[in-house]
N, C-alpha and C. Protein backbone atom coordinates (compact mmCIF):
# COMPACT_ATOMS: atom_id res chain seq x y z
N MET A 1 9.04 19.77 9.24
CA MET A 1 9.16 18.83 8.16
C MET A 1 10.57 18.90 7.57
N SER A 2 11.05 17.76 7.19
CA SER A 2 12.38 17.65 6.61
C SER A 2 12.28 17.49 5.10
N LEU A 3 13.28 17.96 4.41
CA LEU A 3 13.37 17.81 2.97
C LEU A 3 14.09 16.49 2.67
N ILE A 4 13.49 15.69 1.78
CA ILE A 4 14.03 14.36 1.49
C ILE A 4 14.11 14.18 -0.03
N VAL A 5 15.23 13.64 -0.48
CA VAL A 5 15.40 13.25 -1.89
C VAL A 5 15.63 11.74 -1.86
N ALA A 6 14.95 11.01 -2.74
CA ALA A 6 15.05 9.55 -2.72
C ALA A 6 15.15 9.02 -4.15
N GLY A 7 15.80 7.87 -4.26
CA GLY A 7 15.91 7.18 -5.54
C GLY A 7 15.62 5.71 -5.35
N ARG A 8 15.05 5.09 -6.38
CA ARG A 8 14.69 3.67 -6.31
C ARG A 8 15.70 2.85 -7.09
N PHE A 9 16.13 1.74 -6.46
CA PHE A 9 17.09 0.83 -7.07
C PHE A 9 16.52 -0.58 -7.06
N THR A 10 17.10 -1.45 -7.87
CA THR A 10 16.62 -2.83 -7.97
C THR A 10 17.10 -3.69 -6.81
N THR A 11 18.34 -3.46 -6.36
CA THR A 11 18.92 -4.33 -5.32
C THR A 11 19.52 -3.50 -4.18
N PHE A 12 19.67 -4.14 -3.04
CA PHE A 12 20.33 -3.49 -1.91
C PHE A 12 21.81 -3.20 -2.21
N PRO A 13 22.55 -4.13 -2.82
CA PRO A 13 23.96 -3.81 -3.12
C PRO A 13 24.10 -2.57 -4.01
N ALA A 14 23.22 -2.41 -4.98
CA ALA A 14 23.29 -1.23 -5.85
C ALA A 14 23.04 0.04 -5.03
N ALA A 15 22.04 0.00 -4.16
CA ALA A 15 21.71 1.16 -3.33
C ALA A 15 22.83 1.44 -2.33
N GLU A 16 23.42 0.39 -1.77
CA GLU A 16 24.53 0.57 -0.81
C GLU A 16 25.74 1.22 -1.49
N ALA A 17 26.00 0.86 -2.74
CA ALA A 17 27.11 1.47 -3.48
C ALA A 17 26.86 2.97 -3.67
N VAL A 18 25.61 3.33 -3.93
CA VAL A 18 25.27 4.75 -4.10
C VAL A 18 25.39 5.48 -2.76
N ALA A 19 25.02 4.81 -1.67
CA ALA A 19 25.16 5.42 -0.35
C ALA A 19 26.63 5.77 -0.10
N GLU A 20 27.53 4.89 -0.50
CA GLU A 20 28.97 5.17 -0.34
C GLU A 20 29.37 6.41 -1.14
N LYS A 21 28.80 6.57 -2.33
CA LYS A 21 29.09 7.77 -3.14
C LYS A 21 28.57 9.03 -2.45
N LEU A 22 27.41 8.90 -1.79
CA LEU A 22 26.87 10.05 -1.06
C LEU A 22 27.77 10.42 0.12
N PHE A 23 28.28 9.41 0.82
CA PHE A 23 29.19 9.67 1.93
C PHE A 23 30.45 10.37 1.44
N ALA A 24 30.92 9.96 0.27
CA ALA A 24 32.11 10.58 -0.30
C ALA A 24 31.86 12.04 -0.68
N ARG A 25 30.60 12.37 -0.93
CA ARG A 25 30.23 13.75 -1.30
C ARG A 25 29.85 14.59 -0.07
N GLY A 26 30.05 14.06 1.13
CA GLY A 26 29.84 14.86 2.34
C GLY A 26 28.58 14.57 3.14
N PHE A 27 27.76 13.64 2.69
CA PHE A 27 26.56 13.29 3.45
C PHE A 27 26.96 12.36 4.60
N VAL A 28 26.26 12.46 5.71
CA VAL A 28 26.58 11.64 6.88
C VAL A 28 25.61 10.45 6.95
N GLU A 29 26.04 9.43 7.67
CA GLU A 29 25.27 8.18 7.76
C GLU A 29 23.86 8.39 8.31
N GLU A 30 23.68 9.32 9.25
CA GLU A 30 22.35 9.57 9.83
C GLU A 30 21.38 10.18 8.83
N ASP A 31 21.90 10.66 7.70
CA ASP A 31 21.04 11.28 6.69
C ASP A 31 20.77 10.39 5.49
N VAL A 32 21.14 9.12 5.58
CA VAL A 32 20.91 8.19 4.47
C VAL A 32 20.18 6.96 5.01
N ASN A 33 19.09 6.59 4.36
CA ASN A 33 18.26 5.47 4.81
C ASN A 33 17.90 4.59 3.61
N LEU A 34 18.12 3.28 3.76
CA LEU A 34 17.77 2.30 2.72
C LEU A 34 16.65 1.41 3.24
N PHE A 35 15.63 1.18 2.43
CA PHE A 35 14.56 0.26 2.83
C PHE A 35 13.85 -0.24 1.59
N PHE A 36 13.15 -1.37 1.73
CA PHE A 36 12.46 -2.00 0.62
C PHE A 36 11.00 -1.55 0.60
N VAL A 37 10.51 -1.21 -0.59
CA VAL A 37 9.11 -0.86 -0.78
C VAL A 37 8.44 -2.06 -1.44
N ASN A 38 7.43 -2.60 -0.78
CA ASN A 38 6.71 -3.77 -1.29
C ASN A 38 5.97 -3.45 -2.58
N PRO A 39 5.62 -4.48 -3.36
CA PRO A 39 4.81 -4.26 -4.57
C PRO A 39 3.46 -3.64 -4.22
N ARG A 40 2.88 -2.98 -5.19
CA ARG A 40 1.59 -2.33 -4.98
C ARG A 40 0.57 -3.30 -4.42
N GLY A 41 -0.20 -2.82 -3.44
CA GLY A 41 -1.26 -3.62 -2.84
C GLY A 41 -0.79 -4.53 -1.72
N GLN A 42 0.51 -4.57 -1.44
CA GLN A 42 1.03 -5.46 -0.41
C GLN A 42 1.70 -4.70 0.73
N HIS A 43 1.43 -3.42 0.84
CA HIS A 43 2.12 -2.62 1.84
C HIS A 43 1.72 -2.95 3.27
N ALA A 44 0.44 -3.16 3.52
CA ALA A 44 -0.02 -3.37 4.89
C ALA A 44 0.45 -4.72 5.45
N ARG A 45 0.85 -5.65 4.59
CA ARG A 45 1.30 -6.96 5.08
C ARG A 45 2.52 -6.85 5.98
N HIS A 46 3.39 -5.89 5.70
CA HIS A 46 4.63 -5.78 6.46
C HIS A 46 4.73 -4.46 7.21
N MET A 47 3.66 -3.70 7.21
CA MET A 47 3.67 -2.42 7.89
C MET A 47 2.43 -2.33 8.78
N PRO A 48 2.49 -2.89 9.98
CA PRO A 48 1.31 -2.96 10.84
C PRO A 48 0.71 -1.61 11.17
N HIS A 49 1.49 -0.53 11.11
CA HIS A 49 0.91 0.77 11.43
C HIS A 49 -0.07 1.24 10.34
N LEU A 50 -0.06 0.60 9.18
CA LEU A 50 -1.02 0.96 8.14
C LEU A 50 -2.32 0.18 8.26
N VAL A 51 -2.35 -0.86 9.06
CA VAL A 51 -3.55 -1.67 9.22
C VAL A 51 -4.41 -1.04 10.30
N HIS A 52 -5.66 -0.82 10.00
CA HIS A 52 -6.57 -0.26 10.99
C HIS A 52 -7.94 -0.89 10.85
N VAL A 53 -8.69 -0.82 11.93
CA VAL A 53 -10.03 -1.39 11.93
C VAL A 53 -10.99 -0.28 11.53
N GLU A 54 -11.89 -0.61 10.64
CA GLU A 54 -12.87 0.38 10.24
C GLU A 54 -14.25 -0.25 10.25
N VAL A 55 -15.25 0.57 10.44
CA VAL A 55 -16.62 0.10 10.38
C VAL A 55 -16.96 -0.10 8.92
N ALA A 56 -17.66 -1.18 8.63
CA ALA A 56 -17.99 -1.47 7.23
C ALA A 56 -18.83 -0.34 6.66
N PRO A 57 -18.47 0.18 5.49
CA PRO A 57 -19.26 1.24 4.87
C PRO A 57 -20.63 0.69 4.45
N PRO A 58 -21.59 1.58 4.24
CA PRO A 58 -22.95 1.14 3.92
C PRO A 58 -23.04 0.22 2.70
N HIS A 59 -22.25 0.48 1.65
CA HIS A 59 -22.33 -0.38 0.47
C HIS A 59 -21.83 -1.78 0.75
N ARG A 60 -20.85 -1.94 1.65
CA ARG A 60 -20.38 -3.27 1.99
C ARG A 60 -21.44 -4.01 2.80
N ARG A 61 -22.07 -3.31 3.74
CA ARG A 61 -23.15 -3.94 4.52
C ARG A 61 -24.30 -4.35 3.61
N ARG A 62 -24.62 -3.49 2.64
CA ARG A 62 -25.70 -3.80 1.70
C ARG A 62 -25.37 -5.06 0.91
N ASN A 63 -24.14 -5.17 0.41
CA ASN A 63 -23.74 -6.36 -0.34
C ASN A 63 -23.78 -7.61 0.54
N LEU A 64 -23.37 -7.46 1.80
CA LEU A 64 -23.40 -8.57 2.73
C LEU A 64 -24.85 -9.04 2.96
N ILE A 65 -25.75 -8.10 3.19
CA ILE A 65 -27.15 -8.44 3.43
C ILE A 65 -27.78 -9.04 2.19
N MET A 66 -27.53 -8.46 1.03
CA MET A 66 -28.11 -9.01 -0.21
C MET A 66 -27.58 -10.42 -0.46
N GLY A 67 -26.30 -10.65 -0.19
CA GLY A 67 -25.73 -11.99 -0.35
C GLY A 67 -26.37 -12.97 0.62
N ALA A 68 -26.59 -12.53 1.87
CA ALA A 68 -27.21 -13.40 2.87
C ALA A 68 -28.63 -13.77 2.49
N VAL A 69 -29.39 -12.80 2.02
CA VAL A 69 -30.79 -13.07 1.62
C VAL A 69 -30.81 -14.02 0.43
N ALA A 70 -29.96 -13.76 -0.57
CA ALA A 70 -29.93 -14.62 -1.75
C ALA A 70 -29.51 -16.04 -1.36
N GLY A 71 -28.51 -16.15 -0.48
CA GLY A 71 -28.06 -17.47 -0.03
C GLY A 71 -29.15 -18.21 0.73
N ALA A 72 -29.89 -17.50 1.58
CA ALA A 72 -30.99 -18.13 2.33
C ALA A 72 -32.07 -18.63 1.38
N VAL A 73 -32.42 -17.82 0.37
CA VAL A 73 -33.45 -18.23 -0.59
C VAL A 73 -32.98 -19.46 -1.36
N VAL A 74 -31.73 -19.48 -1.78
CA VAL A 74 -31.21 -20.64 -2.51
C VAL A 74 -31.20 -21.87 -1.60
N GLY A 75 -30.80 -21.69 -0.34
CA GLY A 75 -30.80 -22.81 0.60
C GLY A 75 -32.20 -23.38 0.82
N ILE A 76 -33.18 -22.52 0.98
CA ILE A 76 -34.56 -22.97 1.16
C ILE A 76 -35.07 -23.65 -0.10
N ALA A 77 -34.77 -23.04 -1.25
CA ALA A 77 -35.25 -23.60 -2.51
C ALA A 77 -34.65 -24.98 -2.76
N LEU A 78 -33.35 -25.13 -2.53
CA LEU A 78 -32.72 -26.41 -2.79
C LEU A 78 -33.16 -27.50 -1.83
N PHE A 79 -33.12 -27.19 -0.54
CA PHE A 79 -33.40 -28.24 0.44
C PHE A 79 -34.87 -28.32 0.80
N GLY A 80 -35.54 -27.21 0.89
CA GLY A 80 -36.94 -27.22 1.31
C GLY A 80 -37.87 -27.66 0.22
N ALA A 81 -37.78 -27.01 -0.92
CA ALA A 81 -38.74 -27.27 -1.98
C ALA A 81 -38.37 -28.50 -2.82
N LEU A 82 -37.12 -28.60 -3.19
CA LEU A 82 -36.74 -29.69 -4.08
C LEU A 82 -36.63 -31.05 -3.39
N LEU A 83 -36.20 -31.06 -2.14
CA LEU A 83 -35.98 -32.33 -1.46
C LEU A 83 -37.05 -32.66 -0.43
N ASN A 84 -38.10 -31.83 -0.33
CA ASN A 84 -39.17 -32.04 0.66
C ASN A 84 -38.58 -32.33 2.03
N ALA A 85 -37.66 -31.47 2.45
CA ALA A 85 -36.97 -31.66 3.73
C ALA A 85 -37.86 -31.19 4.88
N SER A 86 -37.52 -31.62 6.08
CA SER A 86 -38.26 -31.22 7.27
C SER A 86 -37.98 -29.75 7.58
N LEU A 87 -38.77 -29.18 8.45
CA LEU A 87 -38.61 -27.78 8.82
C LEU A 87 -37.23 -27.49 9.43
N PRO A 88 -36.71 -28.29 10.38
CA PRO A 88 -35.37 -28.01 10.91
C PRO A 88 -34.28 -28.07 9.82
N SER A 89 -34.39 -29.02 8.89
CA SER A 89 -33.41 -29.11 7.81
C SER A 89 -33.48 -27.88 6.92
N THR A 90 -34.69 -27.40 6.66
CA THR A 90 -34.86 -26.22 5.82
C THR A 90 -34.27 -24.98 6.51
N VAL A 91 -34.50 -24.86 7.83
CA VAL A 91 -33.95 -23.72 8.58
C VAL A 91 -32.42 -23.77 8.57
N ILE A 92 -31.87 -24.93 8.76
CA ILE A 92 -30.41 -25.08 8.74
C ILE A 92 -29.88 -24.75 7.35
N ALA A 93 -30.58 -25.23 6.31
CA ALA A 93 -30.15 -24.92 4.93
C ALA A 93 -30.21 -23.42 4.67
N ALA A 94 -31.24 -22.76 5.18
CA ALA A 94 -31.35 -21.31 5.00
C ALA A 94 -30.21 -20.60 5.72
N ALA A 95 -29.88 -21.05 6.93
CA ALA A 95 -28.80 -20.41 7.70
C ALA A 95 -27.46 -20.60 7.00
N VAL A 96 -27.19 -21.81 6.55
CA VAL A 96 -25.92 -22.08 5.85
C VAL A 96 -25.87 -21.28 4.55
N GLY A 97 -26.97 -21.26 3.82
CA GLY A 97 -27.02 -20.48 2.57
C GLY A 97 -26.82 -19.00 2.83
N ALA A 98 -27.40 -18.48 3.91
CA ALA A 98 -27.24 -17.06 4.25
C ALA A 98 -25.79 -16.76 4.60
N TRP A 99 -25.16 -17.67 5.35
CA TRP A 99 -23.76 -17.46 5.72
C TRP A 99 -22.88 -17.45 4.47
N ILE A 100 -23.07 -18.43 3.60
CA ILE A 100 -22.26 -18.50 2.37
C ILE A 100 -22.53 -17.28 1.50
N GLY A 101 -23.78 -16.91 1.37
CA GLY A 101 -24.13 -15.74 0.56
C GLY A 101 -23.53 -14.45 1.11
N SER A 102 -23.53 -14.31 2.44
CA SER A 102 -22.95 -13.10 3.03
C SER A 102 -21.45 -13.04 2.78
N ARG A 103 -20.77 -14.19 2.85
CA ARG A 103 -19.33 -14.24 2.58
C ARG A 103 -19.06 -13.83 1.14
N ILE A 104 -19.86 -14.35 0.23
CA ILE A 104 -19.68 -14.02 -1.20
C ILE A 104 -19.96 -12.54 -1.43
N GLY A 105 -21.05 -12.03 -0.85
CA GLY A 105 -21.42 -10.63 -1.04
C GLY A 105 -20.36 -9.67 -0.53
N SER A 106 -19.83 -9.93 0.66
CA SER A 106 -18.81 -9.04 1.21
C SER A 106 -17.47 -9.23 0.49
N GLY A 107 -17.20 -10.45 0.02
CA GLY A 107 -15.95 -10.72 -0.69
C GLY A 107 -15.87 -9.97 -2.01
N TRP A 108 -16.96 -9.87 -2.72
CA TRP A 108 -16.95 -9.12 -3.97
C TRP A 108 -16.58 -7.67 -3.71
N GLN A 109 -17.15 -7.11 -2.66
CA GLN A 109 -16.87 -5.71 -2.35
C GLN A 109 -15.41 -5.52 -1.96
N ARG A 110 -14.88 -6.40 -1.11
CA ARG A 110 -13.49 -6.28 -0.69
C ARG A 110 -12.53 -6.38 -1.87
N ARG A 111 -12.82 -7.31 -2.77
CA ARG A 111 -11.96 -7.48 -3.93
C ARG A 111 -12.00 -6.22 -4.79
N ALA A 112 -13.19 -5.64 -4.99
CA ALA A 112 -13.30 -4.42 -5.80
C ALA A 112 -12.55 -3.27 -5.14
N GLU A 113 -12.65 -3.14 -3.80
CA GLU A 113 -11.94 -2.07 -3.10
C GLU A 113 -10.43 -2.28 -3.19
N HIS A 114 -9.98 -3.52 -3.06
CA HIS A 114 -8.54 -3.81 -3.14
C HIS A 114 -8.02 -3.47 -4.54
N GLU A 115 -8.74 -3.89 -5.57
CA GLU A 115 -8.30 -3.61 -6.93
C GLU A 115 -8.27 -2.12 -7.20
N GLU A 116 -9.25 -1.39 -6.67
CA GLU A 116 -9.27 0.06 -6.87
C GLU A 116 -8.09 0.71 -6.17
N ARG A 117 -7.81 0.29 -4.93
CA ARG A 117 -6.70 0.85 -4.16
C ARG A 117 -5.37 0.54 -4.86
N VAL A 118 -5.17 -0.69 -5.29
CA VAL A 118 -3.93 -1.09 -5.94
C VAL A 118 -3.79 -0.37 -7.28
N HIS A 119 -4.88 -0.24 -8.01
CA HIS A 119 -4.84 0.40 -9.32
C HIS A 119 -4.37 1.86 -9.21
N HIS A 120 -4.75 2.54 -8.12
CA HIS A 120 -4.41 3.95 -7.99
C HIS A 120 -3.03 4.18 -7.38
N GLU A 121 -2.40 3.15 -6.85
CA GLU A 121 -1.06 3.32 -6.32
C GLU A 121 -0.07 3.42 -7.48
N THR A 122 0.81 4.39 -7.40
CA THR A 122 1.73 4.60 -8.51
C THR A 122 3.18 4.29 -8.16
N ARG A 123 3.48 4.12 -6.89
CA ARG A 123 4.87 3.87 -6.49
C ARG A 123 5.27 2.44 -6.87
N GLN A 124 6.42 2.31 -7.51
CA GLN A 124 6.95 1.01 -7.89
C GLN A 124 7.69 0.39 -6.70
N SER A 125 7.77 -0.93 -6.69
CA SER A 125 8.51 -1.59 -5.61
C SER A 125 10.00 -1.55 -5.92
N GLY A 126 10.80 -1.76 -4.89
CA GLY A 126 12.24 -1.78 -5.02
C GLY A 126 12.90 -1.25 -3.77
N VAL A 127 14.20 -1.08 -3.84
CA VAL A 127 14.96 -0.55 -2.72
C VAL A 127 14.99 0.97 -2.85
N LEU A 128 14.49 1.64 -1.83
CA LEU A 128 14.47 3.10 -1.85
C LEU A 128 15.63 3.61 -1.00
N LEU A 129 16.44 4.48 -1.59
CA LEU A 129 17.52 5.14 -0.87
C LEU A 129 17.04 6.56 -0.63
N ALA A 130 16.75 6.88 0.63
CA ALA A 130 16.25 8.21 1.00
C ALA A 130 17.38 9.00 1.64
N VAL A 131 17.47 10.28 1.28
CA VAL A 131 18.52 11.14 1.79
C VAL A 131 17.88 12.37 2.43
N HIS A 132 18.20 12.60 3.70
CA HIS A 132 17.76 13.80 4.40
C HIS A 132 18.65 14.94 3.93
N VAL A 133 18.07 15.93 3.25
CA VAL A 133 18.86 16.98 2.62
C VAL A 133 18.44 18.36 3.12
N SER A 134 19.21 19.34 2.75
CA SER A 134 18.87 20.75 2.99
C SER A 134 18.65 21.39 1.62
N ALA A 135 18.21 22.62 1.63
CA ALA A 135 17.99 23.32 0.36
C ALA A 135 19.30 23.45 -0.42
N GLU A 136 20.42 23.52 0.31
CA GLU A 136 21.72 23.71 -0.33
C GLU A 136 22.26 22.44 -0.97
N ASN A 137 21.99 21.27 -0.39
CA ASN A 137 22.61 20.05 -0.93
C ASN A 137 21.63 19.08 -1.59
N GLN A 138 20.36 19.47 -1.77
CA GLN A 138 19.40 18.57 -2.41
C GLN A 138 19.75 18.29 -3.86
N ALA A 139 20.27 19.28 -4.59
CA ALA A 139 20.64 19.07 -5.99
C ALA A 139 21.80 18.08 -6.09
N THR A 140 22.74 18.14 -5.14
CA THR A 140 23.86 17.21 -5.14
C THR A 140 23.37 15.79 -4.94
N ALA A 141 22.46 15.59 -3.97
CA ALA A 141 21.92 14.25 -3.71
C ALA A 141 21.19 13.72 -4.94
N ALA A 142 20.38 14.55 -5.57
CA ALA A 142 19.65 14.13 -6.77
C ALA A 142 20.61 13.78 -7.90
N GLU A 143 21.67 14.56 -8.04
CA GLU A 143 22.66 14.31 -9.09
C GLU A 143 23.36 12.96 -8.87
N VAL A 144 23.75 12.68 -7.63
CA VAL A 144 24.41 11.41 -7.32
C VAL A 144 23.46 10.24 -7.62
N LEU A 145 22.21 10.36 -7.22
CA LEU A 145 21.23 9.30 -7.46
C LEU A 145 21.02 9.06 -8.96
N ARG A 146 20.89 10.15 -9.72
CA ARG A 146 20.68 10.01 -11.17
C ARG A 146 21.90 9.41 -11.86
N GLU A 147 23.09 9.90 -11.52
CA GLU A 147 24.32 9.39 -12.13
C GLU A 147 24.52 7.91 -11.84
N ALA A 148 24.04 7.47 -10.67
CA ALA A 148 24.20 6.06 -10.28
C ALA A 148 23.12 5.16 -10.88
N GLY A 149 22.20 5.76 -11.62
CA GLY A 149 21.19 4.96 -12.31
C GLY A 149 19.92 4.68 -11.53
N ALA A 150 19.57 5.55 -10.61
CA ALA A 150 18.30 5.37 -9.88
C ALA A 150 17.16 5.34 -10.89
N ASP A 151 16.24 4.40 -10.69
CA ASP A 151 15.10 4.28 -11.61
C ASP A 151 14.18 5.48 -11.50
N ASP A 152 13.94 5.96 -10.31
CA ASP A 152 13.11 7.14 -10.09
C ASP A 152 13.80 7.99 -9.04
N VAL A 153 13.84 9.30 -9.25
CA VAL A 153 14.36 10.21 -8.23
C VAL A 153 13.19 11.09 -7.84
N GLU A 154 12.92 11.14 -6.54
CA GLU A 154 11.77 11.91 -6.05
C GLU A 154 12.18 12.85 -4.94
N ARG A 155 11.30 13.79 -4.68
CA ARG A 155 11.50 14.78 -3.62
C ARG A 155 10.28 14.71 -2.72
N ALA A 156 10.51 14.82 -1.41
CA ALA A 156 9.39 14.77 -0.47
C ALA A 156 9.68 15.61 0.75
N SER A 157 8.63 15.93 1.47
CA SER A 157 8.75 16.54 2.79
C SER A 157 8.21 15.52 3.77
N GLY A 158 8.96 15.27 4.82
CA GLY A 158 8.51 14.28 5.77
C GLY A 158 9.23 14.38 7.10
N GLN A 159 8.93 13.45 7.98
CA GLN A 159 9.56 13.41 9.29
C GLN A 159 10.80 12.53 9.21
N TRP A 160 11.94 13.07 9.59
CA TRP A 160 13.19 12.32 9.61
C TRP A 160 13.63 12.20 11.06
N HIS A 161 13.60 10.97 11.59
CA HIS A 161 13.96 10.75 12.99
C HIS A 161 14.91 9.57 13.10
N GLY A 162 15.97 9.74 13.84
CA GLY A 162 16.90 8.65 14.11
C GLY A 162 17.49 8.00 12.87
N GLY A 163 17.72 8.79 11.84
CA GLY A 163 18.31 8.25 10.61
C GLY A 163 17.33 7.54 9.71
N HIS A 164 16.02 7.76 9.92
CA HIS A 164 15.00 7.09 9.09
C HIS A 164 13.92 8.07 8.67
N TRP A 165 13.33 7.79 7.52
CA TRP A 165 12.17 8.54 7.03
C TRP A 165 10.97 7.97 7.79
N ALA A 166 10.61 8.61 8.88
CA ALA A 166 9.65 8.06 9.84
C ALA A 166 8.22 7.98 9.33
N ASP A 167 7.79 8.92 8.51
CA ASP A 167 6.39 8.91 8.08
C ASP A 167 6.23 8.53 6.60
N PHE A 168 7.14 7.75 6.08
CA PHE A 168 7.05 7.30 4.69
C PHE A 168 5.75 6.52 4.48
N ASP A 169 5.02 6.88 3.43
CA ASP A 169 3.78 6.20 3.09
C ASP A 169 3.92 5.61 1.69
N PRO A 170 4.03 4.28 1.57
CA PRO A 170 4.25 3.66 0.27
C PRO A 170 3.06 3.80 -0.68
N THR A 171 1.89 4.13 -0.15
CA THR A 171 0.72 4.26 -1.02
C THR A 171 0.61 5.67 -1.60
N GLU A 172 1.41 6.59 -1.09
CA GLU A 172 1.37 7.96 -1.58
C GLU A 172 2.18 8.08 -2.87
N ALA A 173 1.63 8.79 -3.85
CA ALA A 173 2.33 8.95 -5.13
C ALA A 173 3.59 9.78 -4.94
N PRO A 174 4.71 9.32 -5.49
CA PRO A 174 5.95 10.10 -5.37
C PRO A 174 5.91 11.35 -6.24
N THR A 175 6.63 12.38 -5.80
CA THR A 175 6.76 13.62 -6.58
C THR A 175 8.14 13.60 -7.22
N PRO A 176 8.21 13.43 -8.54
CA PRO A 176 9.52 13.38 -9.19
C PRO A 176 10.34 14.64 -8.92
N TYR A 177 11.61 14.44 -8.66
CA TYR A 177 12.51 15.57 -8.42
C TYR A 177 12.66 16.33 -9.73
N GLY A 178 12.56 17.63 -9.63
CA GLY A 178 12.73 18.46 -10.81
C GLY A 178 11.41 18.99 -11.38
N GLN A 179 10.28 18.55 -10.82
CA GLN A 179 9.00 19.11 -11.26
C GLN A 179 8.96 20.57 -10.85
N THR A 180 8.03 21.32 -11.42
CA THR A 180 7.89 22.73 -11.10
C THR A 180 7.80 22.92 -9.59
N GLY A 181 8.64 23.77 -9.08
CA GLY A 181 8.65 24.06 -7.65
C GLY A 181 9.47 23.09 -6.82
N ALA A 182 9.97 22.02 -7.43
CA ALA A 182 10.71 21.02 -6.66
C ALA A 182 12.09 21.52 -6.25
N GLN A 183 12.62 22.50 -6.95
CA GLN A 183 13.95 22.98 -6.62
C GLN A 183 13.91 23.98 -5.48
N GLN A 184 12.71 24.41 -5.10
CA GLN A 184 12.61 25.39 -4.02
C GLN A 184 12.54 24.69 -2.69
N ALA A 185 13.03 25.34 -1.65
CA ALA A 185 13.01 24.72 -0.32
C ALA A 185 11.73 25.01 0.40
């Protein structure tokens, strides 16, 4: 694992200016990485490696089934009982009602899960300037970032490959630089 110090900026030009200051302080280009962090809840849209297929959990299946049953009952009640429709019309109304109800039932669950996931994400969006550091020069990197007006300065351990923070996870809460134990390597 590599030691990483990062700061968040509003614009790419601001972050690029800070990168130049880091180069002037002895950091090399392979140890500095700039990238944009999407707003909370929008990370998977531009990061396909975060998108995965999962089996629907039991509560989502339950909501889907309850929605389907409720939709079928409403379809039968509206078309079968109120309009004295034929048996094929009633069956079709039940099927359409079940389909609509299942969509509504599963949609409520997805929305609740999305809101919960977004609510718990704490990382702010912006341009992140990440610096691959050692125990000896991490304080220098943090100082340059703070002096340049970084909105947040954080410390992390991660995989640094080919001049990039390879395993950066935007949904993971950042650890502010300077917290207890953050100065240790």
